[in-house]
Amino acid sequence: MTKEITHDVEALEVEAEKILEEARTRANQILLEAREEAKKILSSQLPLDEVKTECDNIINKARAEADEKTKDSEKKAAEIGINADKKVKELTELMVNIVTGKS
């Protein structure tokens, strides 16, 4: 029973880390795409002020999207941790009740 609890908690932790890593990877990908788009714009024949404004807009949009995805992933990871703590508490209480004969 204890091994199952430990395994469940470890599985939840792994899932939380996976979600965070996916968010980081996606955020980095968004920023890379924004940089590439900015390079394309800068290499075009557009007036510099217009290019700079567009570049800033793309980067700001990418950062906002990356931040939002990171926050969502952190929230999901926190929820997984909270649920794991609740499960551990419930299983601990169940084991205590079984041992003390209160089940």
PDB file of N, CA and C in Angstrom:
ATOM      1  N   MET A   1       0.829  -1.185   0.000  1.00  0.00           N
ATOM      2  CA  MET A   1       0.000   0.000   0.000  1.00  0.00           C
ATOM      3  C   MET A   1       0.874   1.249   0.000  1.00  0.00           C
ATOM      4  N   THR A   2       1.913   1.246   0.835  1.00  0.00           N
ATOM      5  CA  THR A   2       2.814   2.397   0.886  1.00  0.00           C
ATOM      6  C   THR A   2       3.545   2.562  -0.430  1.00  0.00           C
ATOM      7  N   LYS A   3       3.923   1.438  -1.035  1.00  0.00           N
ATOM      8  CA  LYS A   3       4.600   1.501  -2.332  1.00  0.00           C
ATOM      9  C   LYS A   3       3.686   2.111  -3.384  1.00  0.00           C
ATOM     10  N   GLU A   4       2.391   1.778  -3.311  1.00  0.00           N
ATOM     11  CA  GLU A   4       1.431   2.333  -4.271  1.00  0.00           C
ATOM     12  C   GLU A   4       1.316   3.843  -4.092  1.00  0.00           C
ATOM     13  N   ILE A   5       1.271   4.295  -2.852  1.00  0.00           N
ATOM     14  CA  ILE A   5       1.183   5.731  -2.572  1.00  0.00           C
ATOM     15  C   ILE A   5       2.416   6.431  -3.105  1.00  0.00           C
ATOM     16  N   THR A   6       3.567   5.870  -2.781  1.00  0.00           N
ATOM     17  CA  THR A   6       4.823   6.458  -3.256  1.00  0.00           C
ATOM     18  C   THR A   6       4.845   6.491  -4.774  1.00  0.00           C
ATOM     19  N   HIS A   7       4.430   5.410  -5.389  1.00  0.00           N
ATOM     20  CA  HIS A   7       4.412   5.345  -6.858  1.00  0.00           C
ATOM     21  C   HIS A   7       3.451   6.388  -7.426  1.00  0.00           C
ATOM     22  N   ASP A   8       2.255   6.528  -6.813  1.00  0.00           N
ATOM     23  CA  ASP A   8       1.279   7.513  -7.290  1.00  0.00           C
ATOM     24  C   ASP A   8       1.823   8.927  -7.171  1.00  0.00           C
ATOM     25  N   VAL A   9       2.446   9.236  -6.052  1.00  0.00           N
ATOM     26  CA  VAL A   9       3.008  10.570  -5.845  1.00  0.00           C
ATOM     27  C   VAL A   9       4.135  10.822  -6.844  1.00  0.00           C
ATOM     28  N   GLU A  10       4.991   9.843  -7.029  1.00  0.00           N
ATOM     29  CA  GLU A  10       6.089   9.995  -7.994  1.00  0.00           C
ATOM     30  C   GLU A  10       5.543  10.180  -9.406  1.00  0.00           C
ATOM     31  N   ALA A  11       4.505   9.446  -9.742  1.00  0.00           N
ATOM     32  CA  ALA A  11       3.898   9.575 -11.076  1.00  0.00           C
ATOM     33  C   ALA A  11       3.315  10.970 -11.259  1.00  0.00           C
ATOM     34  N   LEU A  12       2.683  11.491 -10.221  1.00  0.00           N
ATOM     35  CA  LEU A  12       2.127  12.848 -10.298  1.00  0.00           C
ATOM     36  C   LEU A  12       3.237  13.884 -10.440  1.00  0.00           C
ATOM     37  N   GLU A  13       4.321  13.692  -9.718  1.00  0.00           N
ATOM     38  CA  GLU A  13       5.447  14.624  -9.821  1.00  0.00           C
ATOM     39  C   GLU A  13       6.051  14.588 -11.217  1.00  0.00           C
ATOM     40  N   VAL A  14       6.185  13.403 -11.777  1.00  0.00           N
ATOM     41  CA  VAL A  14       6.731  13.263 -13.134  1.00  0.00           C
ATOM     42  C   VAL A  14       5.809  13.958 -14.130  1.00  0.00           C
ATOM     43  N   GLU A  15       4.512  13.776 -13.973  1.00  0.00           N
ATOM     44  CA  GLU A  15       3.549  14.413 -14.873  1.00  0.00           C
ATOM     45  C   GLU A  15       3.614  15.933 -14.758  1.00  0.00           C
ATOM     46  N   ALA A  16       3.757  16.443 -13.540  1.00  0.00           N
ATOM     47  CA  ALA A  16       3.867  17.889 -13.342  1.00  0.00           C
ATOM     48  C   ALA A  16       5.128  18.430 -14.007  1.00  0.00           C
ATOM     49  N   GLU A  17       6.235  17.743 -13.841  1.00  0.00           N
ATOM     50  CA  GLU A  17       7.487  18.162 -14.478  1.00  0.00           C
ATOM     51  C   GLU A  17       7.360  18.122 -15.997  1.00  0.00           C
ATOM     52  N   LYS A  18       6.679  17.114 -16.495  1.00  0.00           N
ATOM     53  CA  LYS A  18       6.482  16.988 -17.942  1.00  0.00           C
ATOM     54  C   LYS A  18       5.672  18.172 -18.472  1.00  0.00           C
ATOM     55  N   ILE A  19       4.626  18.549 -17.767  1.00  0.00           N
ATOM     56  CA  ILE A  19       3.797  19.682 -18.180  1.00  0.00           C
ATOM     57  C   ILE A  19       4.612  20.963 -18.183  1.00  0.00           C
ATOM     58  N   LEU A  20       5.399  21.178 -17.132  1.00  0.00           N
ATOM     59  CA  LEU A  20       6.232  22.378 -17.071  1.00  0.00           C
ATOM     60  C   LEU A  20       7.273  22.393 -18.184  1.00  0.00           C
ATOM     61  N   GLU A  21       7.890  21.254 -18.452  1.00  0.00           N
ATOM     62  CA  GLU A  21       8.899  21.191 -19.511  1.00  0.00           C
ATOM     63  C   GLU A  21       8.272  21.459 -20.873  1.00  0.00           C
ATOM     64  N   GLU A  22       7.073  20.929 -21.096  1.00  0.00           N
ATOM     65  CA  GLU A  22       6.383  21.188 -22.359  1.00  0.00           C
ATOM     66  C   GLU A  22       6.074  22.674 -22.505  1.00  0.00           C
ATOM     67  N   ALA A  23       5.678  23.310 -21.411  1.00  0.00           N
ATOM     68  CA  ALA A  23       5.390  24.751 -21.453  1.00  0.00           C
ATOM     69  C   ALA A  23       6.655  25.546 -21.752  1.00  0.00           C
ATOM     70  N   ARG A  24       7.749  25.167 -21.117  1.00  0.00           N
ATOM     71  CA  ARG A  24       9.019  25.860 -21.382  1.00  0.00           C
ATOM     72  C   ARG A  24       9.449  25.676 -22.834  1.00  0.00           C
ATOM     73  N   THR A  25       9.324  24.459 -23.322  1.00  0.00           N
ATOM     74  CA  THR A  25       9.698  24.170 -24.706  1.00  0.00           C
ATOM     75  C   THR A  25       8.844  24.981 -25.667  1.00  0.00           C
ATOM     76  N   ARG A  26       7.553  25.022 -25.420  1.00  0.00           N
ATOM     77  CA  ARG A  26       6.642  25.789 -26.292  1.00  0.00           C
ATOM     78  C   ARG A  26       6.958  27.278 -26.208  1.00  0.00           C
ATOM     79  N   ALA A  27       7.242  27.777 -25.010  1.00  0.00           N
ATOM     80  CA  ALA A  27       7.586  29.191 -24.852  1.00  0.00           C
ATOM     81  C   ALA A  27       8.853  29.520 -25.633  1.00  0.00           C
ATOM     82  N   ASN A  28       9.844  28.665 -25.537  1.00  0.00           N
ATOM     83  CA  ASN A  28      11.084  28.882 -26.291  1.00  0.00           C
ATOM     84  C   ASN A  28      10.833  28.821 -27.790  1.00  0.00           C
ATOM     85  N   GLN A  29       9.981  27.918 -28.207  1.00  0.00           N
ATOM     86  CA  GLN A  29       9.651  27.804 -29.626  1.00  0.00           C
ATOM     87  C   GLN A  29       8.949  29.071 -30.113  1.00  0.00           C
ATOM     88  N   ILE A  30       8.033  29.590 -29.323  1.00  0.00           N
ATOM     89  CA  ILE A  30       7.322  30.817 -29.687  1.00  0.00           C
ATOM     90  C   ILE A  30       8.299  31.977 -29.805  1.00  0.00           C
ATOM     91  N   LEU A  31       9.201  32.089 -28.851  1.00  0.00           N
ATOM     92  CA  LEU A  31      10.186  33.172 -28.903  1.00  0.00           C
ATOM     93  C   LEU A  31      11.116  33.019 -30.105  1.00  0.00           C
ATOM     94  N   LEU A  32      11.512  31.803 -30.416  1.00  0.00           N
ATOM     95  CA  LEU A  32      12.359  31.565 -31.585  1.00  0.00           C
ATOM     96  C   LEU A  32      11.628  31.963 -32.866  1.00  0.00           C
ATOM     97  N   GLU A  33      10.370  31.579 -32.973  1.00  0.00           N
ATOM     98  CA  GLU A  33       9.582  31.955 -34.147  1.00  0.00           C
ATOM     99  C   GLU A  33       9.454  33.472 -34.252  1.00  0.00           C
ATOM    100  N   ALA A  34       9.275  34.127 -33.116  1.00  0.00           N
ATOM    101  CA  ALA A  34       9.169  35.588 -33.117  1.00  0.00           C
ATOM    102  C   ALA A  34      10.476  36.219 -33.582  1.00  0.00           C
ATOM    103  N   ARG A  35      11.586  35.685 -33.124  1.00  0.00           N
ATOM    104  CA  ARG A  35      12.886  36.217 -33.553  1.00  0.00           C
ATOM    105  C   ARG A  35      13.088  36.021 -35.056  1.00  0.00           C
ATOM    106  N   GLU A  36      12.721  34.835 -35.542  1.00  0.00           N
ATOM    107  CA  GLU A  36      12.855  34.565 -36.976  1.00  0.00           C
ATOM    108  C   GLU A  36      11.975  35.504 -37.789  1.00  0.00           C
ATOM    109  N   GLU A  37      10.766  35.729 -37.323  1.00  0.00           N
ATOM    110  CA  GLU A  37       9.859  36.649 -38.008  1.00  0.00           C
ATOM    111  C   GLU A  37      10.420  38.067 -37.975  1.00  0.00           C
ATOM    112  N   ALA A  38      10.991  38.437 -36.846  1.00  0.00           N
ATOM    113  CA  ALA A  38      11.594  39.765 -36.728  1.00  0.00           C
ATOM    114  C   ALA A  38      12.763  39.913 -37.703  1.00  0.00           C
ATOM    115  N   LYS A  39      13.567  38.866 -37.844  1.00  0.00           N
ATOM    116  CA  LYS A  39      14.686  38.912 -38.798  1.00  0.00           C
ATOM    117  C   LYS A  39      14.177  39.086 -40.225  1.00  0.00           C
ATOM    118  N   LYS A  40      13.102  38.376 -40.564  1.00  0.00           N
ATOM    119  CA  LYS A  40      12.518  38.515 -41.901  1.00  0.00           C
ATOM    120  C   LYS A  40      12.053  39.949 -42.139  1.00  0.00           C
ATOM    121  N   ILE A  41      11.402  40.498 -41.148  1.00  0.00           N
ATOM    122  CA  ILE A  41      10.896  41.864 -41.280  1.00  0.00           C
ATOM    123  C   ILE A  41      12.051  42.844 -41.415  1.00  0.00           C
ATOM    124  N   LEU A  42      13.070  42.652 -40.595  1.00  0.00           N
ATOM    125  CA  LEU A  42      14.214  43.563 -40.639  1.00  0.00           C
ATOM    126  C   LEU A  42      14.956  43.489 -41.966  1.00  0.00           C
ATOM    127  N   SER A  43      14.948  42.338 -42.603  1.00  0.00           N
ATOM    128  CA  SER A  43      15.665  42.198 -43.871  1.00  0.00           C
ATOM    129  C   SER A  43      14.841  42.693 -45.064  1.00  0.00           C
ATOM    130  N   SER A  44      13.586  43.025 -44.835  1.00  0.00           N
ATOM    131  CA  SER A  44      12.743  43.509 -45.931  1.00  0.00           C
ATOM    132  C   SER A  44      12.983  44.997 -46.182  1.00  0.00           C
ATOM    133  N   GLN A  45      12.304  45.535 -47.180  1.00  0.00           N
ATOM    134  CA  GLN A  45      12.487  46.918 -47.609  1.00  0.00           C
ATOM    135  C   GLN A  45      11.553  47.892 -46.878  1.00  0.00           C
ATOM    136  N   LEU A  46      10.947  47.494 -45.809  1.00  0.00           N
ATOM    137  CA  LEU A  46      10.023  48.357 -45.077  1.00  0.00           C
ATOM    138  C   LEU A  46      10.775  49.449 -44.327  1.00  0.00           C
ATOM    139  N   PRO A  47      10.097  50.550 -44.056  1.00  0.00           N
ATOM    140  CA  PRO A  47      10.722  51.603 -43.241  1.00  0.00           C
ATOM    141  C   PRO A  47      11.080  51.050 -41.855  1.00  0.00           C
ATOM    142  N   LEU A  48      12.194  51.496 -41.325  1.00  0.00           N
ATOM    143  CA  LEU A  48      12.727  50.956 -40.076  1.00  0.00           C
ATOM    144  C   LEU A  48      11.763  51.121 -38.899  1.00  0.00           C
ATOM    145  N   ASP A  49      11.106  52.245 -38.784  1.00  0.00           N
ATOM    146  CA  ASP A  49      10.181  52.460 -37.667  1.00  0.00           C
ATOM    147  C   ASP A  49       9.035  51.453 -37.698  1.00  0.00           C
ATOM    148  N   GLU A  50       8.520  51.219 -38.880  1.00  0.00           N
ATOM    149  CA  GLU A  50       7.424  50.262 -39.025  1.00  0.00           C
ATOM    150  C   GLU A  50       7.894  48.849 -38.672  1.00  0.00           C
ATOM    151  N   VAL A  51       9.086  48.515 -39.094  1.00  0.00           N
ATOM    152  CA  VAL A  51       9.657  47.201 -38.802  1.00  0.00           C
ATOM    153  C   VAL A  51       9.859  47.032 -37.304  1.00  0.00           C
ATOM    154  N   LYS A  52      10.419  48.044 -36.670  1.00  0.00           N
ATOM    155  CA  LYS A  52      10.676  47.968 -35.224  1.00  0.00           C
ATOM    156  C   LYS A  52       9.366  47.798 -34.462  1.00  0.00           C
ATOM    157  N   THR A  53       8.359  48.547 -34.856  1.00  0.00           N
ATOM    158  CA  THR A  53       7.059  48.440 -34.193  1.00  0.00           C
ATOM    159  C   THR A  53       6.485  47.035 -34.360  1.00  0.00           C
ATOM    160  N   GLU A  54       6.529  46.524 -35.573  1.00  0.00           N
ATOM    161  CA  GLU A  54       6.014  45.177 -35.840  1.00  0.00           C
ATOM    162  C   GLU A  54       6.811  44.124 -35.071  1.00  0.00           C
ATOM    163  N   CYS A  55       8.112  44.288 -35.038  1.00  0.00           N
ATOM    164  CA  CYS A  55       8.982  43.367 -34.297  1.00  0.00           C
ATOM    165  C   CYS A  55       8.619  43.369 -32.813  1.00  0.00           C
ATOM    166  N   ASP A  56       8.479  44.549 -32.255  1.00  0.00           N
ATOM    167  CA  ASP A  56       8.112  44.666 -30.840  1.00  0.00           C
ATOM    168  C   ASP A  56       6.756  44.023 -30.573  1.00  0.00           C
ATOM    169  N   ASN A  57       5.812  44.241 -31.483  1.00  0.00           N
ATOM    170  CA  ASN A  57       4.483  43.650 -31.319  1.00  0.00           C
ATOM    171  C   ASN A  57       4.549  42.124 -31.341  1.00  0.00           C
ATOM    172  N   ILE A  58       5.312  41.587 -32.263  1.00  0.00           N
ATOM    173  CA  ILE A  58       5.442  40.128 -32.363  1.00  0.00           C
ATOM    174  C   ILE A  58       6.097  39.559 -31.106  1.00  0.00           C
ATOM    175  N   ILE A  59       7.158  40.186 -30.665  1.00  0.00           N
ATOM    176  CA  ILE A  59       7.866  39.705 -29.473  1.00  0.00           C
ATOM    177  C   ILE A  59       6.979  39.819 -28.237  1.00  0.00           C
ATOM    178  N   ASN A  60       6.276  40.939 -28.099  1.00  0.00           N
ATOM    179  CA  ASN A  60       5.385  41.113 -26.945  1.00  0.00           C
ATOM    180  C   ASN A  60       4.270  40.073 -26.953  1.00  0.00           C
ATOM    181  N   LYS A  61       3.713  39.833 -28.135  1.00  0.00           N
ATOM    182  CA  LYS A  61       2.656  38.828 -28.250  1.00  0.00           C
ATOM    183  C   LYS A  61       3.200  37.440 -27.905  1.00  0.00           C
ATOM    184  N   ALA A  62       4.381  37.120 -28.398  1.00  0.00           N
ATOM    185  CA  ALA A  62       4.988  35.814 -28.114  1.00  0.00           C
ATOM    186  C   ALA A  62       5.287  35.658 -26.627  1.00  0.00           C
ATOM    187  N   ARG A  63       5.806  36.706 -26.021  1.00  0.00           N
ATOM    188  CA  ARG A  63       6.101  36.636 -24.577  1.00  0.00           C
ATOM    189  C   ARG A  63       4.823  36.470 -23.767  1.00  0.00           C
ATOM    190  N   ALA A  64       3.783  37.215 -24.149  1.00  0.00           N
ATOM    191  CA  ALA A  64       2.515  37.109 -23.425  1.00  0.00           C
ATOM    192  C   ALA A  64       1.951  35.693 -23.543  1.00  0.00           C
ATOM    193  N   GLU A  65       2.005  35.141 -24.743  1.00  0.00           N
ATOM    194  CA  GLU A  65       1.505  33.782 -24.947  1.00  0.00           C
ATOM    195  C   GLU A  65       2.346  32.767 -24.175  1.00  0.00           C
ATOM    196  N   ALA A  66       3.648  32.936 -24.207  1.00  0.00           N
ATOM    197  CA  ALA A  66       4.540  32.027 -23.480  1.00  0.00           C
ATOM    198  C   ALA A  66       4.307  32.130 -21.974  1.00  0.00           C
ATOM    199  N   ASP A  67       4.155  33.353 -21.471  1.00  0.00           N
ATOM    200  CA  ASP A  67       3.891  33.546 -20.043  1.00  0.00           C
ATOM    201  C   ASP A  67       2.573  32.896 -19.637  1.00  0.00           C
ATOM    202  N   GLU A  68       1.558  33.067 -20.474  1.00  0.00           N
ATOM    203  CA  GLU A  68       0.253  32.487 -20.171  1.00  0.00           C
ATOM    204  C   GLU A  68       0.328  30.962 -20.131  1.00  0.00           C
ATOM    205  N   LYS A  69       1.016  30.377 -21.101  1.00  0.00           N
ATOM    206  CA  LYS A  69       1.137  28.917 -21.127  1.00  0.00           C
ATOM    207  C   LYS A  69       1.959  28.413 -19.941  1.00  0.00           C
ATOM    208  N   THR A  70       2.986  29.152 -19.574  1.00  0.00           N
ATOM    209  CA  THR A  70       3.797  28.761 -18.425  1.00  0.00           C
ATOM    210  C   THR A  70       2.967  28.832 -17.144  1.00  0.00           C
ATOM    211  N   LYS A  71       2.193  29.910 -16.977  1.00  0.00           N
ATOM    212  CA  LYS A  71       1.339  30.044 -15.790  1.00  0.00           C
ATOM    213  C   LYS A  71       0.306  28.926 -15.736  1.00  0.00           C
ATOM    214  N   ASP A  72      -0.300  28.619 -16.891  1.00  0.00           N
ATOM    215  CA  ASP A  72      -1.273  27.528 -16.925  1.00  0.00           C
ATOM    216  C   ASP A  72      -0.626  26.202 -16.523  1.00  0.00           C
ATOM    217  N   SER A  73       0.560  25.960 -17.025  1.00  0.00           N
ATOM    218  CA  SER A  73       1.265  24.717 -16.695  1.00  0.00           C
ATOM    219  C   SER A  73       1.648  24.666 -15.224  1.00  0.00           C
ATOM    220  N   GLU A  74       2.090  25.801 -14.678  1.00  0.00           N
ATOM    221  CA  GLU A  74       2.427  25.847 -13.255  1.00  0.00           C
ATOM    222  C   GLU A  74       1.181  25.609 -12.410  1.00  0.00           C
ATOM    223  N   LYS A  75       0.050  26.167 -12.851  1.00  0.00           N
ATOM    224  CA  LYS A  75      -1.202  25.961 -12.126  1.00  0.00           C
ATOM    225  C   LYS A  75      -1.588  24.478 -12.151  1.00  0.00           C
ATOM    226  N   LYS A  76      -1.472  23.850 -13.334  1.00  0.00           N
ATOM    227  CA  LYS A  76      -1.786  22.425 -13.436  1.00  0.00           C
ATOM    228  C   LYS A  76      -0.849  21.597 -12.561  1.00  0.00           C
ATOM    229  N   ALA A  77       0.420  21.953 -12.557  1.00  0.00           N
ATOM    230  CA  ALA A  77       1.390  21.226 -11.736  1.00  0.00           C
ATOM    231  C   ALA A  77       1.059  21.379 -10.255  1.00  0.00           C
ATOM    232  N   ALA A  78       0.663  22.586  -9.853  1.00  0.00           N
ATOM    233  CA  ALA A  78       0.292  22.816  -8.451  1.00  0.00           C
ATOM    234  C   ALA A  78      -0.945  22.001  -8.090  1.00  0.00           C
ATOM    235  N   GLU A  79      -1.915  21.955  -9.003  1.00  0.00           N
ATOM    236  CA  GLU A  79      -3.121  21.169  -8.749  1.00  0.00           C
ATOM    237  C   GLU A  79      -2.785  19.687  -8.608  1.00  0.00           C
ATOM    238  N   ILE A  80      -1.886  19.214  -9.434  1.00  0.00           N
ATOM    239  CA  ILE A  80      -1.462  17.815  -9.337  1.00  0.00           C
ATOM    240  C   ILE A  80      -0.812  17.567  -7.979  1.00  0.00           C
ATOM    241  N   GLY A  81       0.035  18.498  -7.538  1.00  0.00           N
ATOM    242  CA  GLY A  81       0.681  18.365  -6.235  1.00  0.00           C
ATOM    243  C   GLY A  81      -0.325  18.363  -5.096  1.00  0.00           C
ATOM    244  N   ILE A  82      -1.313  19.256  -5.179  1.00  0.00           N
ATOM    245  CA  ILE A  82      -2.351  19.326  -4.140  1.00  0.00           C
ATOM    246  C   ILE A  82      -3.140  18.021  -4.107  1.00  0.00           C
ATOM    247  N   ASN A  83      -3.502  17.535  -5.287  1.00  0.00           N
ATOM    248  CA  ASN A  83      -4.245  16.273  -5.344  1.00  0.00           C
ATOM    249  C   ASN A  83      -3.414  15.120  -4.796  1.00  0.00           C
ATOM    250  N   ALA A  84      -2.124  15.140  -5.068  1.00  0.00           N
ATOM    251  CA  ALA A  84      -1.248  14.090  -4.544  1.00  0.00           C
ATOM    252  C   ALA A  84      -1.210  14.150  -3.022  1.00  0.00           C
ATOM    253  N   ASP A  85      -1.094  15.363  -2.479  1.00  0.00           N
ATOM    254  CA  ASP A  85      -1.083  15.514  -1.021  1.00  0.00           C
ATOM    255  C   ASP A  85      -2.390  15.011  -0.412  1.00  0.00           C
ATOM    256  N   LYS A  86      -3.512  15.322  -1.054  1.00  0.00           N
ATOM    257  CA  LYS A  86      -4.808  14.863  -0.550  1.00  0.00           C
ATOM    258  C   LYS A  86      -4.886  13.341  -0.568  1.00  0.00           C
ATOM    259  N   LYS A  87      -4.408  12.748  -1.665  1.00  0.00           N
ATOM    260  CA  LYS A  87      -4.444  11.290  -1.772  1.00  0.00           C
ATOM    261  C   LYS A  87      -3.569  10.646  -0.707  1.00  0.00           C
ATOM    262  N   VAL A  88      -2.390  11.213  -0.489  1.00  0.00           N
ATOM    263  CA  VAL A  88      -1.493  10.676   0.534  1.00  0.00           C
ATOM    264  C   VAL A  88      -2.161  10.764   1.901  1.00  0.00           C
ATOM    265  N   LYS A  89      -2.793  11.909   2.186  1.00  0.00           N
ATOM    266  CA  LYS A  89      -3.463  12.084   3.478  1.00  0.00           C
ATOM    267  C   LYS A  89      -4.596  11.070   3.629  1.00  0.00           C
ATOM    268  N   GLU A  90      -5.414  10.921   2.588  1.00  0.00           N
ATOM    269  CA  GLU A  90      -6.525   9.973   2.650  1.00  0.00           C
ATOM    270  C   GLU A  90      -6.031   8.542   2.845  1.00  0.00           C
ATOM    271  N   LEU A  91      -5.003   8.175   2.105  1.00  0.00           N
ATOM    272  CA  LEU A  91      -4.479   6.816   2.227  1.00  0.00           C
ATOM    273  C   LEU A  91      -3.826   6.587   3.587  1.00  0.00           C
ATOM    274  N   THR A  92      -3.166   7.617   4.108  1.00  0.00           N
ATOM    275  CA  THR A  92      -2.566   7.508   5.438  1.00  0.00           C
ATOM    276  C   THR A  92      -3.653   7.301   6.483  1.00  0.00           C
ATOM    277  N   GLU A  93      -4.728   8.094   6.390  1.00  0.00           N
ATOM    278  CA  GLU A  93      -5.838   7.941   7.330  1.00  0.00           C
ATOM    279  C   GLU A  93      -6.464   6.554   7.211  1.00  0.00           C
ATOM    280  N   LEU A  94      -6.605   6.075   5.985  1.00  0.00           N
ATOM    281  CA  LEU A  94      -7.167   4.747   5.770  1.00  0.00           C
ATOM    282  C   LEU A  94      -6.284   3.675   6.404  1.00  0.00           C
ATOM    283  N   MET A  95      -4.971   3.789   6.220  1.00  0.00           N
ATOM    284  CA  MET A  95      -4.058   2.798   6.800  1.00  0.00           C
ATOM    285  C   MET A  95      -4.102   2.850   8.328  1.00  0.00           C
ATOM    286  N   VAL A  96      -4.150   4.071   8.894  1.00  0.00           N
ATOM    287  CA  VAL A  96      -4.235   4.201  10.353  1.00  0.00           C
ATOM    288  C   VAL A  96      -5.524   3.564  10.849  1.00  0.00           C
ATOM    289  N   ASN A  97      -6.621   3.815  10.150  1.00  0.00           N
ATOM    290  CA  ASN A  97      -7.900   3.225  10.548  1.00  0.00           C
ATOM    291  C   ASN A  97      -7.869   1.705  10.451  1.00  0.00           C
ATOM    292  N   ILE A  98      -7.228   1.191   9.421  1.00  0.00           N
ATOM    293  CA  ILE A  98      -7.123  -0.269   9.276  1.00  0.00           C
ATOM    294  C   ILE A  98      -6.288  -0.852  10.410  1.00  0.00           C
ATOM    295  N   VAL A  99      -5.156  -0.202  10.707  1.00  0.00           N
ATOM    296  CA  VAL A  99      -4.267  -0.696  11.763  1.00  0.00           C
ATOM    297  C   VAL A  99      -4.950  -0.615  13.127  1.00  0.00           C
ATOM    298  N   THR A 100      -5.685   0.465  13.366  1.00  0.00           N
ATOM    299  CA  THR A 100      -6.338   0.634  14.668  1.00  0.00           C
ATOM    300  C   THR A 100      -7.693  -0.056  14.729  1.00  0.00           C
ATOM    301  N   GLY A 101      -8.125  -0.631  13.617  1.00  0.00           N
ATOM    302  CA  GLY A 101      -9.380  -1.369  13.598  1.00  0.00           C
ATOM    303  C   GLY A 101     -10.598  -0.486  13.482  1.00  0.00           C
ATOM    304  N   LYS A 102     -10.446   0.730  12.985  1.00  0.00           N
ATOM    305  CA  LYS A 102     -11.573   1.653  12.853  1.00  0.00           C
ATOM    306  C   LYS A 102     -12.189   1.619  11.458  1.00  0.00           C
ATOM    307  N   SER A 103     -11.736   0.736  10.613  1.00  0.00           N
ATOM    308  CA  SER A 103     -12.267   0.700   9.246  1.00  0.00           C
ATOM    309  C   SER A 103     -13.639   0.102   9.281  1.00  0.00           C
TER     310      SER A 103
END
